[in-house]
Amino acid sequence: MVKIKTVKTGTIKPIKPFKTLEEEADFWDTHSAVDNIGEGTMVGFRQANKTGTITIRFSPHDLQLLRAQAFKLGIGPTTLARMWLVKKLREELEQGRKLAK
């Protein structure tokens, strides 16, 4: 029999960001992502609602650099490009707010 466990949003505490790769490695050497999940419990995850899509063309060289950087960070190149773009948009928005004052 499969148990289904419903967990309220916000009841699972996120792991604090690690300062170094070594600190993260030490943590995962002694912890498991499934420590608090009972055997046979189904777990589901929701993805963020990303509603819009755009296509960005990169030169082969730039795409290679993006993929290499994303690989170093352990994420996909699309995720990295989105993170960088959102960060820049927020910086520009904040800069605009400062100039308007």
Protein backbone atom coordinates (compact mmCIF):
# COMPACT_ATOMS: atom_id res chain seq x y z
CA MET A 1 0.00 0.00 0.00
CA VAL A 2 1.23 3.49 -0.87
CA LYS A 3 0.91 6.28 1.66
CA ILE A 4 0.29 9.77 0.38
CA LYS A 5 1.56 12.47 2.67
CA THR A 6 0.40 16.04 2.22
CA VAL A 7 2.73 18.68 3.60
CA LYS A 8 1.61 22.28 4.04
CA THR A 9 3.59 24.85 2.11
CA GLY A 10 6.31 26.37 4.27
CA THR A 11 6.52 23.52 6.79
CA ILE A 12 9.72 22.07 5.38
CA LYS A 13 12.66 24.28 6.29
CA PRO A 14 15.03 24.98 3.39
CA ILE A 15 18.71 24.17 3.74
CA LYS A 16 20.82 27.27 4.37
CA PRO A 17 23.09 28.19 1.44
CA PHE A 18 26.57 26.72 1.70
CA LYS A 19 29.60 28.99 1.80
CA THR A 20 31.91 26.57 0.00
CA LEU A 21 31.69 23.46 -2.14
CA GLU A 22 33.54 21.56 0.58
CA GLU A 23 30.94 22.59 3.17
CA GLU A 24 28.18 21.31 0.89
CA ALA A 25 30.04 18.05 0.25
CA ASP A 26 30.48 17.50 4.00
CA PHE A 27 26.77 18.14 4.55
CA TRP A 28 25.65 15.65 1.89
CA ASP A 29 28.13 13.05 3.18
CA THR A 30 26.13 12.96 6.42
CA HIS A 31 22.59 13.79 5.19
CA SER A 32 20.14 12.51 2.62
CA ALA A 33 17.49 14.35 0.67
CA VAL A 34 15.02 11.70 1.83
CA ASP A 35 15.87 11.73 5.57
CA ASN A 36 12.40 12.92 6.58
CA ILE A 37 10.38 10.89 4.08
CA GLY A 38 9.01 7.55 5.20
CA GLU A 39 9.45 4.46 3.04
CA GLY A 40 6.64 4.10 0.52
CA THR A 41 5.58 7.74 0.77
CA MET A 42 4.84 9.44 -2.54
CA VAL A 43 6.36 12.89 -2.81
CA GLY A 44 5.42 15.48 -5.40
CA PHE A 45 7.00 18.76 -6.33
CA ARG A 46 5.52 21.75 -8.10
CA GLN A 47 7.47 23.65 -10.67
CA ALA A 48 7.36 27.41 -10.84
CA ASN A 49 4.83 28.81 -13.28
CA LYS A 50 6.91 30.06 -16.17
CA THR A 51 4.41 31.44 -18.62
CA GLY A 52 6.36 33.22 -21.34
CA THR A 53 8.92 31.87 -23.76
CA ILE A 54 11.47 33.71 -25.88
CA THR A 55 14.20 32.50 -28.20
CA ILE A 56 17.68 33.96 -27.90
CA ARG A 57 20.33 33.21 -30.48
CA PHE A 58 23.96 32.91 -29.37
CA SER A 59 27.13 32.53 -31.37
CA PRO A 60 28.58 29.01 -31.10
CA HIS A 61 31.41 30.39 -28.95
CA ASP A 62 29.08 32.22 -26.54
CA LEU A 63 26.81 29.17 -26.30
CA GLN A 64 29.83 27.02 -25.46
CA LEU A 65 30.85 29.48 -22.72
CA LEU A 66 27.29 29.52 -21.32
CA ARG A 67 27.13 25.72 -21.27
CA ALA A 68 30.54 25.46 -19.59
CA GLN A 69 29.60 27.95 -16.87
CA ALA A 70 26.25 26.23 -16.29
CA PHE A 71 27.99 22.86 -16.04
CA LYS A 72 30.34 24.25 -13.36
CA LEU A 73 27.30 25.36 -11.37
CA GLY A 74 25.46 22.09 -11.88
CA ILE A 75 22.52 23.64 -13.73
CA GLY A 76 21.35 23.78 -17.31
CA PRO A 77 22.34 26.60 -19.66
CA THR A 78 18.74 27.77 -20.03
CA THR A 79 18.37 28.05 -16.26
CA LEU A 80 21.62 29.99 -15.97
CA ALA A 81 20.67 32.38 -18.79
CA ARG A 82 17.27 32.97 -17.16
CA MET A 83 18.90 33.59 -13.75
CA TRP A 84 21.35 36.10 -15.24
CA LEU A 85 18.64 37.86 -17.21
CA VAL A 86 16.29 38.15 -14.23
CA LYS A 87 19.16 39.44 -12.06
CA LYS A 88 20.03 42.11 -14.63
CA LEU A 89 16.37 43.12 -15.04
CA ARG A 90 16.01 43.55 -11.28
CA GLU A 91 19.24 45.58 -11.10
CA GLU A 92 17.99 47.85 -13.89
CA LEU A 93 14.63 48.26 -12.16
CA GLU A 94 16.34 49.16 -8.89
CA GLN A 95 18.67 51.59 -10.67
CA GLY A 96 15.66 53.25 -12.30
CA ARG A 97 14.02 53.65 -8.90
CA LYS A 98 17.16 55.30 -7.52
CA LEU A 99 17.34 57.72 -10.47
CA ALA A 100 13.65 58.64 -10.08
CA LYS A 101 14.18 59.80 -6.49
